[in-house]
Amino acid sequence: MPAYYFAMEGYHTGEKPDPAVDKLMTIQYQKIDLTTGEPLGELTILKEWESSEQSIITTFCNEFFKPGIPVTHFIPVGMSLDYEYEMIITKCKKYNLPAITSHQLYFQRPRFDLRPIVVLLNDGRFAGARLDLFSSKKYDGSHMKKWYENKDFKKIEHFIREETEAVLKLLQYLSKYKTRLGITKKEEPGHRKPAPVIPPIRTERVLPTYPKSPAVAMPTARKPVDTRTSAPKKGSAQLAKVEPKSSKKSPAPSKTAGPKSSVPLSQFRKHTPTKKPAGKMDKR
């Protein structure tokens, strides 16, 4: 939806501005991005001293308030827009333009007014809640009447451009640092993100690694009893005959221990001396 910075300047003869009798001097508007406050077009200033009051209000109404134009075609953004709205109603009625009611402006048309924000910045006080106290704007509108009477129109135009820049800078600052307020937008029920699907947890039993866990004692099956008659045990002599000779060399005999016989003790027999041949005698 297109948003526009919007303001009007009026010349009043009384002590306070009154849109019912004030003279319309200027109408200014500029297309902006409402989310950032950045300008999207050039500032347009419709000046009464260059044409007439009727001419500038007619040009403005034909562009934005012509019958059939949606209200979202022009969303005003400004400071204290009540004065501008009442001025539009009064001037359209004065110059027989298509009637615009307060119901159409206040209830049917969206708008963005910085006045409540400035009041909040002013500690909740309406008195003194002016734009020049919280922005780069240097002057208020009290000098406008004197400048118009002296026909110092350049100062009026300079004041208008300065005021436009001050409003946009304030809007840009509020948009950029709005998160510092610590207030965040709640999620709408229709735009909530679906809850993430969490996979079911597997309940498998993880056994500890061996050998930390003791082995589970399993019952062993009993072997059947052998009822056959066991073979008689073999003697040492028989075992010596059956035992195969090892190809490995026997270890060297120890110096301290005597020689060991490989013949079992049971194999020792009584020694019987043999007869020596005749004719040979032992030499002593």
Protein backbone atom coordinates (compact mmCIF):
# COMPACT_ATOMS: atom_id res chain seq x y z
CA MET A 1 0.00 0.00 0.00
CA PRO A 2 1.50 3.38 -0.98
CA ALA A 3 2.22 5.68 1.96
CA TYR A 4 2.86 9.41 1.67
CA TYR A 5 4.34 11.99 3.93
CA PHE A 6 1.55 14.56 4.11
CA ALA A 7 1.20 18.06 5.60
CA MET A 8 -0.57 21.38 5.05
CA GLU A 9 0.41 24.89 6.08
CA GLY A 10 -2.27 27.48 6.84
CA TYR A 11 -2.31 31.19 7.51
CA HIS A 12 -4.42 32.07 10.53
CA THR A 13 -5.49 35.50 11.73
CA GLY A 14 -6.49 34.39 15.21
CA GLU A 15 -4.36 33.37 18.16
CA LYS A 16 -4.50 29.66 17.34
CA PRO A 17 -4.81 27.76 14.08
CA ASP A 18 -8.41 27.08 13.03
CA PRO A 19 -8.96 24.99 9.87
CA ALA A 20 -12.50 26.35 9.51
CA VAL A 21 -11.26 29.89 8.75
CA ASP A 22 -7.52 29.58 8.07
CA LYS A 23 -6.19 30.26 4.59
CA LEU A 24 -4.53 27.28 2.89
CA MET A 25 -0.99 28.22 1.85
CA THR A 26 0.67 24.93 0.86
CA ILE A 27 0.00 21.21 0.43
CA GLN A 28 3.06 18.95 0.48
CA TYR A 29 3.35 15.19 0.05
CA GLN A 30 6.04 12.64 -0.78
CA LYS A 31 5.82 8.92 -1.41
CA ILE A 32 7.74 6.86 1.18
CA ASP A 33 8.33 3.31 2.33
CA LEU A 34 6.35 2.96 5.55
CA THR A 35 8.44 0.02 6.81
CA THR A 36 11.73 1.95 6.67
CA GLY A 37 10.74 5.62 6.30
CA GLU A 38 12.89 5.97 3.20
CA PRO A 39 11.58 8.30 0.45
CA LEU A 40 10.45 6.70 -2.79
CA GLY A 41 9.87 9.90 -4.76
CA GLU A 42 10.42 13.63 -4.82
CA LEU A 43 8.67 16.06 -2.49
CA THR A 44 5.74 17.84 -4.12
CA ILE A 45 4.78 21.30 -2.82
CA LEU A 46 1.56 22.90 -4.08
CA LYS A 47 1.88 26.65 -3.39
CA GLU A 48 -1.05 29.04 -3.06
CA TRP A 49 0.99 32.14 -4.00
CA GLU A 50 1.85 30.59 -7.36
CA SER A 51 -1.81 29.84 -8.27
CA SER A 52 -4.68 29.97 -5.76
CA GLU A 53 -6.16 28.20 -2.79
CA GLN A 54 -8.89 26.65 -4.93
CA SER A 55 -6.37 25.43 -7.50
CA ILE A 56 -4.11 23.57 -5.08
CA ILE A 57 -6.95 21.85 -3.17
CA THR A 58 -8.60 20.81 -6.45
CA THR A 59 -5.33 19.35 -7.80
CA PHE A 60 -4.77 17.44 -4.61
CA CYS A 61 -8.31 16.03 -4.33
CA ASN A 62 -8.40 14.95 -7.98
CA GLU A 63 -5.24 12.91 -7.46
CA PHE A 64 -6.05 11.18 -4.18
CA PHE A 65 -9.70 11.77 -3.19
CA LYS A 66 -11.53 11.41 -6.44
CA PRO A 67 -14.62 9.14 -6.22
CA GLY A 68 -13.71 5.57 -7.08
CA ILE A 69 -10.09 5.78 -5.88
CA PRO A 70 -9.47 3.20 -3.12
CA VAL A 71 -8.62 4.59 0.29
CA THR A 72 -5.43 2.51 0.29
CA HIS A 73 -4.16 4.51 -2.68
CA PHE A 74 -3.15 7.29 -0.32
CA ILE A 75 -2.07 6.52 3.27
CA PRO A 76 -1.02 9.79 4.95
CA VAL A 77 1.97 9.84 7.33
CA GLY A 78 2.66 12.97 9.33
CA MET A 79 2.51 14.95 12.54
CA SER A 80 -0.89 15.97 13.99
CA LEU A 81 -2.95 15.02 10.94
CA ASP A 82 -6.22 16.23 12.51
CA TYR A 83 -5.52 19.78 11.25
CA GLU A 84 -4.96 18.52 7.70
CA TYR A 85 -8.13 16.39 7.72
CA GLU A 86 -10.33 19.23 8.93
CA MET A 87 -8.77 21.55 6.35
CA ILE A 88 -9.64 19.09 3.54
CA ILE A 89 -13.27 18.82 4.70
CA THR A 90 -13.63 22.63 4.94
CA LYS A 91 -12.01 23.50 1.58
CA CYS A 92 -13.83 20.78 -0.38
CA LYS A 93 -17.12 22.13 0.93
CA LYS A 94 -16.08 25.74 0.19
CA TYR A 95 -15.19 25.08 -3.47
CA ASN A 96 -18.01 22.59 -4.20
CA LEU A 97 -15.69 19.65 -4.62
CA PRO A 98 -16.89 16.08 -4.02
CA ALA A 99 -17.84 16.00 -0.36
CA ILE A 100 -15.47 14.26 1.99
CA THR A 101 -16.83 13.46 5.42
CA SER A 102 -15.01 12.99 8.68
CA HIS A 103 -16.23 9.39 8.73
CA GLN A 104 -14.44 8.72 5.45
CA LEU A 105 -11.19 10.26 6.71
CA TYR A 106 -11.03 9.09 10.32
CA PHE A 107 -12.70 5.69 10.14
CA GLN A 108 -12.35 4.41 6.58
CA ARG A 109 -8.88 5.61 5.65
CA PRO A 110 -5.72 4.24 7.31
CA ARG A 111 -3.17 6.77 8.49
CA PHE A 112 0.04 6.97 10.54
CA ASP A 113 0.29 9.91 12.95
CA LEU A 114 3.51 10.53 14.87
CA ARG A 115 1.80 12.77 17.40
CA PRO A 116 1.13 10.01 20.02
CA ILE A 117 4.74 8.87 19.74
CA VAL A 118 6.06 12.38 20.40
CA VAL A 119 3.70 12.68 23.38
CA LEU A 120 5.12 9.43 24.75
CA LEU A 121 8.67 10.72 24.23
CA ASN A 122 7.62 13.88 26.11
CA ASP A 123 6.96 11.82 29.25
CA GLY A 124 3.26 11.59 28.46
CA ARG A 125 2.71 15.38 28.44
CA PHE A 126 0.79 16.92 25.54
CA ALA A 127 2.04 20.42 26.29
CA GLY A 128 5.36 20.92 24.57
CA ALA A 129 5.18 17.72 22.54
CA ARG A 130 6.59 19.31 19.39
CA LEU A 131 8.57 17.80 16.56
CA ASP A 132 11.43 20.31 16.88
CA LEU A 133 12.23 18.99 20.39
CA PHE A 134 12.84 15.42 19.20
CA SER A 135 14.21 15.85 15.67
CA SER A 136 16.52 17.96 13.52
CA LYS A 137 13.77 20.51 12.94
CA LYS A 138 14.95 23.98 14.10
CA TYR A 139 11.75 26.03 14.20
CA ASP A 140 8.08 25.52 14.92
CA GLY A 141 5.26 26.93 12.81
CA SER A 142 5.00 30.20 14.74
CA HIS A 143 7.13 32.06 12.18
CA MET A 144 4.98 31.01 9.24
CA LYS A 145 2.49 33.85 9.60
CA LYS A 146 5.19 36.53 9.62
CA TRP A 147 6.95 35.05 6.60
CA TYR A 148 3.69 34.93 4.62
CA GLU A 149 2.80 38.51 5.42
CA ASN A 150 6.29 39.63 4.35
CA LYS A 151 6.03 37.43 1.24
CA ASP A 152 9.21 35.65 2.24
CA PHE A 153 8.18 32.49 0.40
CA LYS A 154 11.69 31.05 0.19
CA LYS A 155 11.81 30.77 3.97
CA ILE A 156 8.44 29.04 3.95
CA GLU A 157 9.65 26.52 1.37
CA HIS A 158 12.88 25.96 3.30
CA PHE A 159 10.88 25.38 6.48
CA ILE A 160 8.66 22.84 4.68
CA ARG A 161 11.63 20.84 3.37
CA GLU A 162 13.30 20.90 6.77
CA GLU A 163 10.13 19.67 8.45
CA THR A 164 9.73 16.88 5.89
CA GLU A 165 13.30 15.70 6.46
CA ALA A 166 12.83 15.80 10.25
CA VAL A 167 9.68 13.64 10.12
CA LEU A 168 11.28 11.08 7.82
CA LYS A 169 14.46 10.86 9.93
CA LEU A 170 12.39 10.30 13.06
CA LEU A 171 10.38 7.62 11.27
CA GLN A 172 13.57 5.97 10.00
CA TYR A 173 15.08 5.96 13.48
CA LEU A 174 11.97 4.42 15.04
CA SER A 175 11.83 1.76 12.34
CA LYS A 176 15.53 0.89 12.63
CA TYR A 177 15.69 0.66 16.44
CA LYS A 178 12.22 -0.58 17.28
CA THR A 179 13.68 -3.86 18.57
CA ARG A 180 15.33 -1.95 21.43
CA LEU A 181 11.92 -1.57 23.03
CA GLY A 182 12.02 -5.26 23.90
CA ILE A 183 8.53 -5.82 22.49
CA THR A 184 8.22 -8.50 19.83
CA LYS A 185 5.31 -9.46 17.66
CA LYS A 186 3.41 -12.58 18.60
CA GLU A 187 2.91 -15.25 15.99
CA GLU A 188 -0.58 -15.42 14.59
CA PRO A 189 -2.37 -18.75 15.04
CA GLY A 190 -2.79 -19.20 11.30
CA HIS A 191 0.87 -18.55 10.57
CA ARG A 192 2.47 -20.70 13.20
CA LYS A 193 5.16 -23.02 12.00
CA PRO A 194 4.38 -26.71 12.30
CA ALA A 195 5.99 -28.41 15.22
CA PRO A 196 9.05 -30.41 14.24
CA VAL A 197 8.49 -34.15 14.00
CA ILE A 198 10.65 -35.90 16.55
CA PRO A 199 11.45 -39.52 15.60
CA PRO A 200 10.58 -42.11 18.24
CA ILE A 201 13.41 -43.13 20.51
CA ARG A 202 14.52 -46.70 19.97
CA THR A 203 14.58 -48.67 23.18
CA GLU A 204 17.20 -51.19 22.18
CA ARG A 205 19.29 -52.60 24.98
CA VAL A 206 22.91 -51.78 24.44
CA LEU A 207 25.14 -54.37 26.08
CA PRO A 208 28.49 -53.22 27.43
CA THR A 209 31.56 -54.33 25.58
CA TYR A 210 33.49 -57.45 26.64
CA PRO A 211 35.31 -58.02 29.04
CA LYS A 212 33.86 -55.34 31.30
CA SER A 213 30.65 -57.20 31.84
CA PRO A 214 30.91 -60.63 33.45
CA ALA A 215 29.86 -63.49 31.28
CA VAL A 216 26.48 -64.86 32.03
CA ALA A 217 26.77 -68.32 33.48
CA MET A 218 25.00 -70.72 31.21
CA PRO A 219 23.99 -74.16 32.46
CA THR A 220 26.18 -76.77 30.81
CA ALA A 221 24.76 -80.06 29.71
CA ARG A 222 26.08 -83.04 31.61
CA LYS A 223 28.04 -85.55 29.64
CA PRO A 224 26.70 -89.11 29.63
CA VAL A 225 28.51 -91.46 31.96
CA ASP A 226 30.75 -93.89 30.11
CA THR A 227 29.84 -97.37 31.43
CA ARG A 228 32.52 -99.14 29.40
CA THR A 229 35.47 -100.76 31.22
CA SER A 230 38.47 -98.49 31.11
CA ALA A 231 41.65 -99.83 29.59
CA PRO A 232 44.41 -100.80 32.03
CA LYS A 233 47.05 -98.23 32.58
CA LYS A 234 50.27 -98.78 30.76
CA GLY A 235 53.51 -99.20 32.70
CA SER A 236 56.49 -96.95 32.43
CA ALA A 237 58.36 -99.51 30.32
CA GLN A 238 55.59 -99.75 27.82
CA LEU A 239 55.24 -95.98 27.67
CA ALA A 240 58.96 -95.67 26.96
CA LYS A 241 58.67 -98.06 24.00
CA VAL A 242 55.63 -96.28 22.59
CA GLU A 243 56.92 -92.74 23.11
CA PRO A 244 58.44 -91.47 19.88
CA LYS A 245 61.88 -90.01 19.91
CA SER A 246 61.97 -86.27 19.61
CA SER A 247 64.03 -84.72 16.87
CA LYS A 248 65.05 -81.91 19.17
CA LYS A 249 68.40 -82.08 20.85
CA SER A 250 68.37 -82.83 24.53
CA PRO A 251 69.58 -80.01 26.70
CA ALA A 252 73.21 -80.05 27.75
CA PRO A 253 73.80 -81.81 31.06
CA SER A 254 74.40 -79.62 34.00
CA LYS A 255 77.87 -79.58 35.51
CA THR A 256 76.64 -80.02 39.03
CA ALA A 257 74.12 -82.78 38.45
CA GLY A 258 75.16 -86.30 37.44
CA PRO A 259 74.27 -87.91 34.13
CA LYS A 260 70.76 -89.04 33.81
CA SER A 261 69.83 -92.32 32.17
CA SER A 262 67.12 -92.38 29.62
CA VAL A 263 66.31 -95.99 30.57
CA PRO A 264 63.55 -96.29 33.05
CA LEU A 265 64.35 -97.63 36.48
CA SER A 266 62.37 -100.75 35.82
CA GLN A 267 64.70 -101.66 32.93
CA PHE A 268 67.83 -102.01 35.03
CA ARG A 269 68.87 -105.69 35.17
CA LYS A 270 71.39 -107.53 37.29
CA HIS A 271 74.82 -107.24 35.75
CA THR A 272 76.48 -110.58 34.88
CA PRO A 273 80.13 -110.37 33.96
CA THR A 274 81.12 -111.90 30.64
CA LYS A 275 83.98 -114.32 30.23
CA LYS A 276 87.21 -112.87 28.93
CA PRO A 277 89.02 -114.71 26.12
CA ALA A 278 91.85 -117.01 27.11
CA GLY A 279 95.40 -115.89 26.83
CA LYS A 280 94.73 -112.28 27.76
CA MET A 281 95.52 -111.03 31.14
CA ASP A 282 94.72 -107.79 32.77
CA LYS A 283 97.62 -105.58 33.18
CA ARG A 284 97.83 -103.91 36.45
